Amino acid sequence: YTHDMLAATKVAAIMSPNRNVPRDIYDLHDLAASMPEKLLGDMLELDV
């Protein structure tokens, strides 16, 4: 997976209502230089 895809999936993971995992913050901090905006836009509806 690209860093962008990892970042997009980590955003989805951290925003999951049933998930509260410190590893997501740690990983997203490492992925801060990624650019997952297009992937997030393609994956999710505007309201989400």
All heavy atoms as atom14 arrays in JSON, in Angstrom:
{
  "sequence": "YTHDMLAATKVAAIMSPNRNVPRDIYDLHDLAASMPEKLLGDMLELDV",
  "atom14_mask": [
    [1, 1, 1, 1, 1, 1, 1, 1, 1, 1, 1, 1, 0, 0],
    [1, 1, 1, 1, 1, 1, 1, 0, 0, 0, 0, 0, 0, 0],
    [1, 1, 1, 1, 1, 1, 1, 1, 1, 1, 0, 0, 0, 0],
    [1, 1, 1, 1, 1, 1, 1, 1, 0, 0, 0, 0, 0, 0],
    [1, 1, 1, 1, 1, 1, 1, 1, 0, 0, 0, 0, 0, 0],
    [1, 1, 1, 1, 1, 1, 1, 1, 0, 0, 0, 0, 0, 0],
    [1, 1, 1, 1, 1, 0, 0, 0, 0, 0, 0, 0, 0, 0],
    [1, 1, 1, 1, 1, 0, 0, 0, 0, 0, 0, 0, 0, 0],
    [1, 1, 1, 1, 1, 1, 1, 0, 0, 0, 0, 0, 0, 0],
    [1, 1, 1, 1, 1, 1, 1, 1, 1, 0, 0, 0, 0, 0],
    [1, 1, 1, 1, 1, 1, 1, 0, 0, 0, 0, 0, 0, 0],
    [1, 1, 1, 1, 1, 0, 0, 0, 0, 0, 0, 0, 0, 0],
    [1, 1, 1, 1, 1, 0, 0, 0, 0, 0, 0, 0, 0, 0],
    [1, 1, 1, 1, 1, 1, 1, 1, 0, 0, 0, 0, 0, 0],
    [1, 1, 1, 1, 1, 1, 1, 1, 0, 0, 0, 0, 0, 0],
    [1, 1, 1, 1, 1, 1, 0, 0, 0, 0, 0, 0, 0, 0],
    [1, 1, 1, 1, 1, 1, 1, 0, 0, 0, 0, 0, 0, 0],
    [1, 1, 1, 1, 1, 1, 1, 1, 0, 0, 0, 0, 0, 0],
    [1, 1, 1, 1, 1, 1, 1, 1, 1, 1, 1, 0, 0, 0],
    [1, 1, 1, 1, 1, 1, 1, 1, 0, 0, 0, 0, 0, 0],
    [1, 1, 1, 1, 1, 1, 1, 0, 0, 0, 0, 0, 0, 0],
    [1, 1, 1, 1, 1, 1, 1, 0, 0, 0, 0, 0, 0, 0],
    [1, 1, 1, 1, 1, 1, 1, 1, 1, 1, 1, 0, 0, 0],
    [1, 1, 1, 1, 1, 1, 1, 1, 0, 0, 0, 0, 0, 0],
    [1, 1, 1, 1, 1, 1, 1, 1, 0, 0, 0, 0, 0, 0],
    [1, 1, 1, 1, 1, 1, 1, 1, 1, 1, 1, 1, 0, 0],
    [1, 1, 1, 1, 1, 1, 1, 1, 0, 0, 0, 0, 0, 0],
    [1, 1, 1, 1, 1, 1, 1, 1, 0, 0, 0, 0, 0, 0],
    [1, 1, 1, 1, 1, 1, 1, 1, 1, 1, 0, 0, 0, 0],
    [1, 1, 1, 1, 1, 1, 1, 1, 0, 0, 0, 0, 0, 0],
    [1, 1, 1, 1, 1, 1, 1, 1, 0, 0, 0, 0, 0, 0],
    [1, 1, 1, 1, 1, 0, 0, 0, 0, 0, 0, 0, 0, 0],
    [1, 1, 1, 1, 1, 0, 0, 0, 0, 0, 0, 0, 0, 0],
    [1, 1, 1, 1, 1, 1, 0, 0, 0, 0, 0, 0, 0, 0],
    [1, 1, 1, 1, 1, 1, 1, 1, 0, 0, 0, 0, 0, 0],
    [1, 1, 1, 1, 1, 1, 1, 0, 0, 0, 0, 0, 0, 0],
    [1, 1, 1, 1, 1, 1, 1, 1, 1, 0, 0, 0, 0, 0],
    [1, 1, 1, 1, 1, 1, 1, 1, 1, 0, 0, 0, 0, 0],
    [1, 1, 1, 1, 1, 1, 1, 1, 0, 0, 0, 0, 0, 0],
    [1, 1, 1, 1, 1, 1, 1, 1, 0, 0, 0, 0, 0, 0],
    [1, 1, 1, 1, 0, 0, 0, 0, 0, 0, 0, 0, 0, 0],
    [1, 1, 1, 1, 1, 1, 1, 1, 0, 0, 0, 0, 0, 0],
    [1, 1, 1, 1, 1, 1, 1, 1, 0, 0, 0, 0, 0, 0],
    [1, 1, 1, 1, 1, 1, 1, 1, 0, 0, 0, 0, 0, 0],
    [1, 1, 1, 1, 1, 1, 1, 1, 1, 0, 0, 0, 0, 0],
    [1, 1, 1, 1, 1, 1, 1, 1, 0, 0, 0, 0, 0, 0],
    [1, 1, 1, 1, 1, 1, 1, 1, 0, 0, 0, 0, 0, 0],
    [1, 1, 1, 1, 1, 1, 1, 0, 0, 0, 0, 0, 0, 0]
  ],
  "atom14_positions": [
    [[0.84, -1.18, 0.0], [0.0, 0.0, 0.0], [0.88, 1.24, 0.0], [1.92, 1.27, 0.64], [-0.9, 0.02, 1.25], [-1.84, -1.15, 1.32], [-1.53, -2.29, 2.04], [-3.04, -1.12, 0.63], [-2.39, -3.38, 2.09], [-3.91, -2.2, 0.67], [-3.58, -3.31, 1.4], [-4.43, -4.37, 1.45], [0.0, 0.0, 0.0], [0.0, 0.0, 0.0]],
    [[0.42, 2.27, -0.67], [1.13, 3.55, -0.64], [0.9, 4.2, 0.71], [-0.04, 3.84, 1.44], [0.61, 4.48, -1.75], [-0.76, 4.81, -1.47], [0.73, 3.85, -3.14], [0.0, 0.0, 0.0], [0.0, 0.0, 0.0], [0.0, 0.0, 0.0], [0.0, 0.0, 0.0], [0.0, 0.0, 0.0], [0.0, 0.0, 0.0], [0.0, 0.0, 0.0]],
    [[1.73, 5.19, 1.02], [1.52, 5.93, 2.26], [0.16, 6.63, 2.24], [-0.51, 6.73, 3.28], [2.63, 6.96, 2.47], [3.92, 6.33, 2.86], [5.13, 6.82, 2.47], [4.2, 5.24, 3.61], [6.09, 6.08, 2.95], [5.56, 5.1, 3.64], [0.0, 0.0, 0.0], [0.0, 0.0, 0.0], [0.0, 0.0, 0.0], [0.0, 0.0, 0.0]],
    [[-0.26, 7.1, 1.06], [-1.56, 7.75, 0.96], [-2.69, 6.78, 1.3], [-3.64, 7.15, 2.01], [-1.77, 8.34, -0.44], [-0.79, 9.46, -0.75], [-0.1, 9.96, 0.18], [-0.68, 9.84, -1.93], [0.0, 0.0, 0.0], [0.0, 0.0, 0.0], [0.0, 0.0, 0.0], [0.0, 0.0, 0.0], [0.0, 0.0, 0.0], [0.0, 0.0, 0.0]],
    [[-2.6, 5.57, 0.81], [-3.63, 4.57, 1.11], [-3.61, 4.19, 2.59], [-4.66, 4.05, 3.22], [-3.47, 3.32, 0.24], [-4.51, 2.25, 0.52], [-6.22, 2.79, 0.38], [-6.47, 2.68, -1.36], [0.0, 0.0, 0.0], [0.0, 0.0, 0.0], [0.0, 0.0, 0.0], [0.0, 0.0, 0.0], [0.0, 0.0, 0.0], [0.0, 0.0, 0.0]],
    [[-2.42, 4.05, 3.14], [-2.33, 3.76, 4.58], [-2.95, 4.88, 5.4], [-3.7, 4.63, 6.35], [-0.87, 3.55, 5.0], [-0.21, 2.26, 4.54], [1.28, 2.3, 4.85], [-0.86, 1.06, 5.19], [0.0, 0.0, 0.0], [0.0, 0.0, 0.0], [0.0, 0.0, 0.0], [0.0, 0.0, 0.0], [0.0, 0.0, 0.0], [0.0, 0.0, 0.0]],
    [[-2.66, 6.12, 5.02], [-3.23, 7.26, 5.75], [-4.75, 7.27, 5.64], [-5.45, 7.49, 6.63], [-2.63, 8.57, 5.24], [0.0, 0.0, 0.0], [0.0, 0.0, 0.0], [0.0, 0.0, 0.0], [0.0, 0.0, 0.0], [0.0, 0.0, 0.0], [0.0, 0.0, 0.0], [0.0, 0.0, 0.0], [0.0, 0.0, 0.0], [0.0, 0.0, 0.0]],
    [[-5.27, 7.03, 4.44], [-6.73, 7.03, 4.26], [-7.38, 5.94, 5.1], [-8.41, 6.17, 5.74], [-7.07, 6.85, 2.77], [0.0, 0.0, 0.0], [0.0, 0.0, 0.0], [0.0, 0.0, 0.0], [0.0, 0.0, 0.0], [0.0, 0.0, 0.0], [0.0, 0.0, 0.0], [0.0, 0.0, 0.0], [0.0, 0.0, 0.0], [0.0, 0.0, 0.0]],
    [[-6.79, 4.76, 5.12], [-7.38, 3.67, 5.91], [-7.23, 3.92, 7.41], [-8.1, 3.54, 8.19], [-6.81, 2.3, 5.52], [-5.39, 2.3, 5.7], [-7.13, 1.94, 4.09], [0.0, 0.0, 0.0], [0.0, 0.0, 0.0], [0.0, 0.0, 0.0], [0.0, 0.0, 0.0], [0.0, 0.0, 0.0], [0.0, 0.0, 0.0], [0.0, 0.0, 0.0]],
    [[-6.14, 4.58, 7.82], [-5.97, 4.92, 9.23], [-6.98, 5.98, 9.67], [-7.46, 5.97, 10.79], [-4.55, 5.39, 9.51], [-3.59, 4.27, 9.79], [-3.96, 3.58, 11.09], [-3.07, 2.39, 11.35], [-3.34, 1.79, 12.66], [0.0, 0.0, 0.0], [0.0, 0.0, 0.0], [0.0, 0.0, 0.0], [0.0, 0.0, 0.0], [0.0, 0.0, 0.0]],
    [[-7.3, 6.93, 8.77], [-8.33, 7.92, 9.09], [-9.66, 7.19, 9.3], [-10.38, 7.44, 10.27], [-8.45, 9.0, 7.99], [-9.71, 9.85, 8.19], [-7.2, 9.88, 7.97], [0.0, 0.0, 0.0], [0.0, 0.0, 0.0], [0.0, 0.0, 0.0], [0.0, 0.0, 0.0], [0.0, 0.0, 0.0], [0.0, 0.0, 0.0], [0.0, 0.0, 0.0]],
    [[-9.98, 6.27, 8.39], [-11.21, 5.5, 8.54], [-11.2, 4.7, 9.85], [-12.22, 4.6, 10.54], [-11.41, 4.58, 7.34], [0.0, 0.0, 0.0], [0.0, 0.0, 0.0], [0.0, 0.0, 0.0], [0.0, 0.0, 0.0], [0.0, 0.0, 0.0], [0.0, 0.0, 0.0], [0.0, 0.0, 0.0], [0.0, 0.0, 0.0], [0.0, 0.0, 0.0]],
    [[-10.05, 4.16, 10.2], [-9.95, 3.37, 11.43], [-10.16, 4.25, 12.67], [-10.95, 3.92, 13.55], [-8.59, 2.67, 11.51], [0.0, 0.0, 0.0], [0.0, 0.0, 0.0], [0.0, 0.0, 0.0], [0.0, 0.0, 0.0], [0.0, 0.0, 0.0], [0.0, 0.0, 0.0], [0.0, 0.0, 0.0], [0.0, 0.0, 0.0], [0.0, 0.0, 0.0]],
    [[-9.47, 5.38, 12.71], [-9.55, 6.22, 13.91], [-10.95, 6.83, 14.07], [-11.4, 7.09, 15.18], [-8.46, 7.3, 13.94], [-8.18, 7.73, 15.38], [-8.8, 8.49, 13.04], [-6.91, 8.51, 15.57], [0.0, 0.0, 0.0], [0.0, 0.0, 0.0], [0.0, 0.0, 0.0], [0.0, 0.0, 0.0], [0.0, 0.0, 0.0], [0.0, 0.0, 0.0]],
    [[-11.66, 7.01, 12.96], [-13.0, 7.6, 13.04], [-14.09, 6.55, 13.23], [-15.25, 6.89, 13.39], [-13.27, 8.44, 11.79], [-12.39, 9.68, 11.69], [-12.37, 10.7, 13.19], [-14.08, 11.22, 13.27], [0.0, 0.0, 0.0], [0.0, 0.0, 0.0], [0.0, 0.0, 0.0], [0.0, 0.0, 0.0], [0.0, 0.0, 0.0], [0.0, 0.0, 0.0]],
    [[-13.72, 5.29, 13.25], [-14.7, 4.24, 13.49], [-15.29, 4.4, 14.89], [-14.55, 4.57, 15.87], [-14.01, 2.87, 13.38], [-14.88, 1.85, 13.79], [0.0, 0.0, 0.0], [0.0, 0.0, 0.0], [0.0, 0.0, 0.0], [0.0, 0.0, 0.0], [0.0, 0.0, 0.0], [0.0, 0.0, 0.0], [0.0, 0.0, 0.0], [0.0, 0.0, 0.0]],
    [[-16.61, 4.34, 15.0], [-17.23, 4.55, 16.32], [-16.88, 3.48, 17.35], [-16.95, 3.73, 18.54], [-18.73, 4.55, 16.02], [-18.89, 3.95, 14.68], [-17.59, 4.12, 13.95], [0.0, 0.0, 0.0], [0.0, 0.0, 0.0], [0.0, 0.0, 0.0], [0.0, 0.0, 0.0], [0.0, 0.0, 0.0], [0.0, 0.0, 0.0], [0.0, 0.0, 0.0]],
    [[-16.47, 2.31, 16.89], [-16.18, 1.21, 17.81], [-14.69, 1.04, 18.05], [-14.27, 0.0, 18.55], [-16.75, -0.1, 17.26], [-18.25, -0.02, 17.11], [-18.92, 0.57, 17.93], [-18.76, -0.6, 16.05], [0.0, 0.0, 0.0], [0.0, 0.0, 0.0], [0.0, 0.0, 0.0], [0.0, 0.0, 0.0], [0.0, 0.0, 0.0], [0.0, 0.0, 0.0]],
    [[-13.89, 2.05, 17.7], [-12.44, 1.91, 17.8], [-11.88, 3.11, 18.56], [-12.24, 4.25, 18.31], [-11.83, 1.83, 16.4], [-10.37, 1.53, 16.37], [-9.93, 1.29, 14.92], [-8.51, 1.27, 14.8], [-7.77, 0.18, 14.75], [-8.34, -1.0, 14.82], [-6.46, 0.24, 14.62], [0.0, 0.0, 0.0], [0.0, 0.0, 0.0], [0.0, 0.0, 0.0]],
    [[-10.95, 2.84, 19.46], [-10.33, 3.86, 20.29], [-8.9, 3.39, 20.58], [-8.6, 3.01, 21.71], [-11.15, 4.05, 21.56], [-10.85, 5.32, 22.27], [-10.32, 6.25, 21.68], [-11.19, 5.38, 23.54], [0.0, 0.0, 0.0], [0.0, 0.0, 0.0], [0.0, 0.0, 0.0], [0.0, 0.0, 0.0], [0.0, 0.0, 0.0], [0.0, 0.0, 0.0]],
    [[-8.03, 3.41, 19.56], [-6.73, 2.74, 19.63], [-5.59, 3.75, 19.51], [-5.48, 4.44, 18.49], [-6.64, 1.69, 18.51], [-5.31, 0.96, 18.54], [-7.78, 0.69, 18.61], [0.0, 0.0, 0.0], [0.0, 0.0, 0.0], [0.0, 0.0, 0.0], [0.0, 0.0, 0.0], [0.0, 0.0, 0.0], [0.0, 0.0, 0.0], [0.0, 0.0, 0.0]],
    [[-4.72, 3.84, 20.53], [-3.6, 4.79, 20.48], [-2.68, 4.57, 19.27], [-2.08, 5.52, 18.77], [-2.84, 4.53, 21.78], [-3.83, 3.88, 22.69], [-4.77, 3.13, 21.8], [0.0, 0.0, 0.0], [0.0, 0.0, 0.0], [0.0, 0.0, 0.0], [0.0, 0.0, 0.0], [0.0, 0.0, 0.0], [0.0, 0.0, 0.0], [0.0, 0.0, 0.0]],
    [[-2.57, 3.36, 18.8], [-1.7, 3.08, 17.66], [-2.1, 3.91, 16.43], [-1.26, 4.28, 15.62], [-1.76, 1.58, 17.32], [-0.88, 1.14, 16.18], [0.54, 1.3, 16.61], [1.46, 1.1, 15.53], [2.6, 0.45, 15.65], [2.93, -0.09, 16.8], [3.41, 0.35, 14.64], [0.0, 0.0, 0.0], [0.0, 0.0, 0.0], [0.0, 0.0, 0.0]],
    [[-3.39, 4.21, 16.29], [-3.85, 5.01, 15.15], [-3.24, 6.42, 15.19], [-2.82, 6.95, 14.17], [-5.37, 5.09, 15.11], [-6.02, 3.76, 14.8], [-5.35, 2.87, 14.24], [-7.21, 3.6, 15.13], [0.0, 0.0, 0.0], [0.0, 0.0, 0.0], [0.0, 0.0, 0.0], [0.0, 0.0, 0.0], [0.0, 0.0, 0.0], [0.0, 0.0, 0.0]],
    [[-3.18, 7.02, 16.37], [-2.56, 8.34, 16.49], [-1.08, 8.25, 16.15], [-0.54, 9.07, 15.39], [-2.76, 8.91, 17.92], [-4.24, 9.23, 18.14], [-1.89, 10.16, 18.14], [-4.58, 9.67, 19.55], [0.0, 0.0, 0.0], [0.0, 0.0, 0.0], [0.0, 0.0, 0.0], [0.0, 0.0, 0.0], [0.0, 0.0, 0.0], [0.0, 0.0, 0.0]],
    [[-0.41, 7.26, 16.7], [1.02, 7.06, 16.44], [1.28, 6.89, 14.94], [2.17, 7.53, 14.38], [1.49, 5.83, 17.23], [2.95, 5.55, 17.15], [3.86, 6.26, 17.93], [3.44, 4.54, 16.33], [5.21, 5.98, 17.88], [4.79, 4.26, 16.27], [5.68, 4.98, 17.05], [7.01, 4.7, 16.99], [0.0, 0.0, 0.0], [0.0, 0.0, 0.0]],
    [[0.49, 6.05, 14.3], [0.67, 5.8, 12.86], [0.34, 7.03, 12.02], [1.07, 7.37, 11.09], [-0.19, 4.63, 12.41], [0.28, 3.3, 12.97], [1.44, 3.21, 13.44], [-0.52, 2.34, 12.94], [0.0, 0.0, 0.0], [0.0, 0.0, 0.0], [0.0, 0.0, 0.0], [0.0, 0.0, 0.0], [0.0, 0.0, 0.0], [0.0, 0.0, 0.0]],
    [[-0.76, 7.72, 12.34], [-1.12, 8.92, 11.59], [-0.08, 10.02, 11.76], [0.17, 10.78, 10.83], [-2.51, 9.41, 11.99], [-3.65, 8.62, 11.37], [-4.96, 8.9, 12.09], [-3.78, 8.91, 9.88], [0.0, 0.0, 0.0], [0.0, 0.0, 0.0], [0.0, 0.0, 0.0], [0.0, 0.0, 0.0], [0.0, 0.0, 0.0], [0.0, 0.0, 0.0]],
    [[0.53, 10.1, 12.92], [1.6, 11.07, 13.13], [2.75, 10.78, 12.18], [3.33, 11.7, 11.6], [2.04, 11.05, 14.6], [2.96, 12.16, 14.96], [4.32, 12.01, 15.0], [2.69, 13.46, 15.28], [4.86, 13.16, 15.34], [3.91, 14.06, 15.51], [0.0, 0.0, 0.0], [0.0, 0.0, 0.0], [0.0, 0.0, 0.0], [0.0, 0.0, 0.0]],
    [[3.08, 9.51, 12.02], [4.14, 9.12, 11.08], [3.75, 9.35, 9.63], [4.61, 9.55, 8.78], [4.51, 7.64, 11.26], [5.45, 7.43, 12.43], [6.01, 8.41, 12.96], [5.64, 6.26, 12.82], [0.0, 0.0, 0.0], [0.0, 0.0, 0.0], [0.0, 0.0, 0.0], [0.0, 0.0, 0.0], [0.0, 0.0, 0.0], [0.0, 0.0, 0.0]],
    [[2.48, 9.29, 9.33], [1.98, 9.44, 7.96], [1.58, 10.87, 7.62], [0.96, 11.11, 6.58], [0.78, 8.51, 7.74], [1.1, 7.01, 7.78], [-0.18, 6.19, 7.93], [1.85, 6.61, 6.52], [0.0, 0.0, 0.0], [0.0, 0.0, 0.0], [0.0, 0.0, 0.0], [0.0, 0.0, 0.0], [0.0, 0.0, 0.0], [0.0, 0.0, 0.0]],
    [[1.95, 11.83, 8.45], [1.5, 13.22, 8.28], [1.87, 13.82, 6.94], [1.17, 14.7, 6.44], [2.04, 14.09, 9.41], [0.0, 0.0, 0.0], [0.0, 0.0, 0.0], [0.0, 0.0, 0.0], [0.0, 0.0, 0.0], [0.0, 0.0, 0.0], [0.0, 0.0, 0.0], [0.0, 0.0, 0.0], [0.0, 0.0, 0.0], [0.0, 0.0, 0.0]],
    [[2.94, 13.38, 6.32], [3.35, 13.93, 5.02], [2.57, 13.34, 3.86], [2.73, 13.77, 2.72], [4.85, 13.71, 4.81], [0.0, 0.0, 0.0], [0.0, 0.0, 0.0], [0.0, 0.0, 0.0], [0.0, 0.0, 0.0], [0.0, 0.0, 0.0], [0.0, 0.0, 0.0], [0.0, 0.0, 0.0], [0.0, 0.0, 0.0], [0.0, 0.0, 0.0]],
    [[1.73, 12.38, 4.13], [0.93, 11.73, 3.08], [-0.1, 12.71, 2.54], [-0.38, 13.74, 3.14], [0.23, 10.49, 3.63], [1.18, 9.58, 4.13], [0.0, 0.0, 0.0], [0.0, 0.0, 0.0], [0.0, 0.0, 0.0], [0.0, 0.0, 0.0], [0.0, 0.0, 0.0], [0.0, 0.0, 0.0], [0.0, 0.0, 0.0], [0.0, 0.0, 0.0]],
    [[-0.69, 12.33, 1.4], [-1.72, 13.15, 0.77], [-2.91, 12.28, 0.37], [-3.12, 12.01, -0.81], [-1.13, 13.88, -0.42], [-0.01, 14.85, -0.01], [0.89, 15.61, -1.36], [-0.4, 16.29, -2.34], [0.0, 0.0, 0.0], [0.0, 0.0, 0.0], [0.0, 0.0, 0.0], [0.0, 0.0, 0.0], [0.0, 0.0, 0.0], [0.0, 0.0, 0.0]],
    [[-3.71, 11.83, 1.35], [-4.81, 10.9, 1.06], [-6.13, 11.57, 0.68], [-7.16, 10.9, 0.59], [-4.96, 10.17, 2.39], [-4.67, 11.22, 3.4], [-3.54, 12.02, 2.78], [0.0, 0.0, 0.0], [0.0, 0.0, 0.0], [0.0, 0.0, 0.0], [0.0, 0.0, 0.0], [0.0, 0.0, 0.0], [0.0, 0.0, 0.0], [0.0, 0.0, 0.0]],
    [[-6.12, 12.88, 0.44], [-7.37, 13.6, 0.22], [-8.2, 13.01, -0.91], [-9.41, 12.84, -0.79], [-7.09, 15.08, -0.07], [-6.38, 15.8, 1.05], [-4.85, 15.7, 0.98], [-4.31, 14.91, 0.19], [-4.22, 16.43, 1.74], [0.0, 0.0, 0.0], [0.0, 0.0, 0.0], [0.0, 0.0, 0.0], [0.0, 0.0, 0.0], [0.0, 0.0, 0.0]],
    [[-7.56, 12.72, -2.04], [-8.31, 12.17, -3.18], [-8.9, 10.81, -2.82], [-10.05, 10.53, -3.12], [-7.43, 12.07, -4.42], [-8.21, 11.49, -5.6], [-7.4, 11.44, -6.86], [-8.11, 10.87, -8.05], [-9.33, 10.14, -7.89], [0.0, 0.0, 0.0], [0.0, 0.0, 0.0], [0.0, 0.0, 0.0], [0.0, 0.0, 0.0], [0.0, 0.0, 0.0]],
    [[-8.1, 9.98, -2.18], [-8.6, 8.66, -1.78], [-9.76, 8.78, -0.8], [-10.77, 8.07, -0.93], [-7.48, 7.83, -1.15], [-6.37, 7.4, -2.11], [-5.18, 6.85, -1.34], [-6.89, 6.37, -3.1], [0.0, 0.0, 0.0], [0.0, 0.0, 0.0], [0.0, 0.0, 0.0], [0.0, 0.0, 0.0], [0.0, 0.0, 0.0], [0.0, 0.0, 0.0]],
    [[-9.64, 9.67, 0.17], [-10.74, 9.88, 1.11], [-11.98, 10.36, 0.38], [-13.09, 9.89, 0.65], [-10.33, 10.88, 2.2], [-9.33, 10.38, 3.22], [-8.75, 11.55, 4.02], [-9.96, 9.35, 4.14], [0.0, 0.0, 0.0], [0.0, 0.0, 0.0], [0.0, 0.0, 0.0], [0.0, 0.0, 0.0], [0.0, 0.0, 0.0], [0.0, 0.0, 0.0]],
    [[-11.79, 11.29, -0.56], [-12.92, 11.79, -1.33], [-13.56, 10.72, -2.18], [-14.79, 10.7, -2.35], [0.0, 0.0, 0.0], [0.0, 0.0, 0.0], [0.0, 0.0, 0.0], [0.0, 0.0, 0.0], [0.0, 0.0, 0.0], [0.0, 0.0, 0.0], [0.0, 0.0, 0.0], [0.0, 0.0, 0.0], [0.0, 0.0, 0.0], [0.0, 0.0, 0.0]],
    [[-12.74, 9.81, -2.71], [-13.28, 8.71, -3.52], [-13.96, 7.64, -2.67], [-14.91, 7.0, -3.11], [-12.16, 8.06, -4.35], [-11.63, 8.96, -5.45], [-12.28, 9.97, -5.78], [-10.54, 8.65, -5.98], [0.0, 0.0, 0.0], [0.0, 0.0, 0.0], [0.0, 0.0, 0.0], [0.0, 0.0, 0.0], [0.0, 0.0, 0.0], [0.0, 0.0, 0.0]],
    [[-13.48, 7.46, -1.45], [-13.98, 6.4, -0.57], [-15.29, 6.79, 0.14], [-16.09, 5.92, 0.46], [-12.95, 6.06, 0.52], [-11.71, 5.34, 0.04], [-10.38, 5.21, 1.3], [-11.22, 5.0, 2.83], [0.0, 0.0, 0.0], [0.0, 0.0, 0.0], [0.0, 0.0, 0.0], [0.0, 0.0, 0.0], [0.0, 0.0, 0.0], [0.0, 0.0, 0.0]],
    [[-15.46, 8.08, 0.41], [-16.51, 8.51, 1.33], [-17.45, 9.53, 0.69], [-17.04, 10.34, -0.13], [-15.88, 9.12, 2.58], [-14.91, 8.2, 3.34], [-14.1, 9.01, 4.32], [-15.67, 7.09, 4.03], [0.0, 0.0, 0.0], [0.0, 0.0, 0.0], [0.0, 0.0, 0.0], [0.0, 0.0, 0.0], [0.0, 0.0, 0.0], [0.0, 0.0, 0.0]],
    [[-18.69, 9.49, 1.12], [-19.69, 10.47, 0.7], [-19.39, 11.8, 1.39], [-18.78, 11.84, 2.46], [-21.09, 9.98, 1.07], [-21.49, 8.68, 0.39], [-21.61, 8.81, -1.12], [-22.04, 9.87, -1.59], [-21.26, 7.84, -1.81], [0.0, 0.0, 0.0], [0.0, 0.0, 0.0], [0.0, 0.0, 0.0], [0.0, 0.0, 0.0], [0.0, 0.0, 0.0]],
    [[-19.87, 12.89, 0.78], [-19.63, 14.22, 1.33], [-20.15, 14.37, 2.76], [-19.49, 14.99, 3.59], [-20.26, 15.29, 0.43], [-19.6, 15.49, -0.93], [-20.4, 16.49, -1.76], [-18.16, 15.93, -0.79], [0.0, 0.0, 0.0], [0.0, 0.0, 0.0], [0.0, 0.0, 0.0], [0.0, 0.0, 0.0], [0.0, 0.0, 0.0], [0.0, 0.0, 0.0]],
    [[-21.3, 13.78, 3.05], [-21.85, 13.92, 4.4], [-20.97, 13.22, 5.43], [-20.82, 13.69, 6.56], [-23.3, 13.45, 4.48], [-23.47, 11.98, 4.13], [-22.76, 11.48, 3.24], [-24.34, 11.33, 4.75], [0.0, 0.0, 0.0], [0.0, 0.0, 0.0], [0.0, 0.0, 0.0], [0.0, 0.0, 0.0], [0.0, 0.0, 0.0], [0.0, 0.0, 0.0]],
    [[-20.36, 12.1, 5.06], [-19.45, 11.39, 5.97], [-18.19, 12.21, 6.17], [-17.71, 12.37, 7.31], [-19.13, 9.97, 5.44], [-18.07, 9.29, 6.3], [-20.39, 9.13, 5.35], [0.0, 0.0, 0.0], [0.0, 0.0, 0.0], [0.0, 0.0, 0.0], [0.0, 0.0, 0.0], [0.0, 0.0, 0.0], [0.0, 0.0, 0.0], [0.0, 0.0, 0.0]]
  ]
}
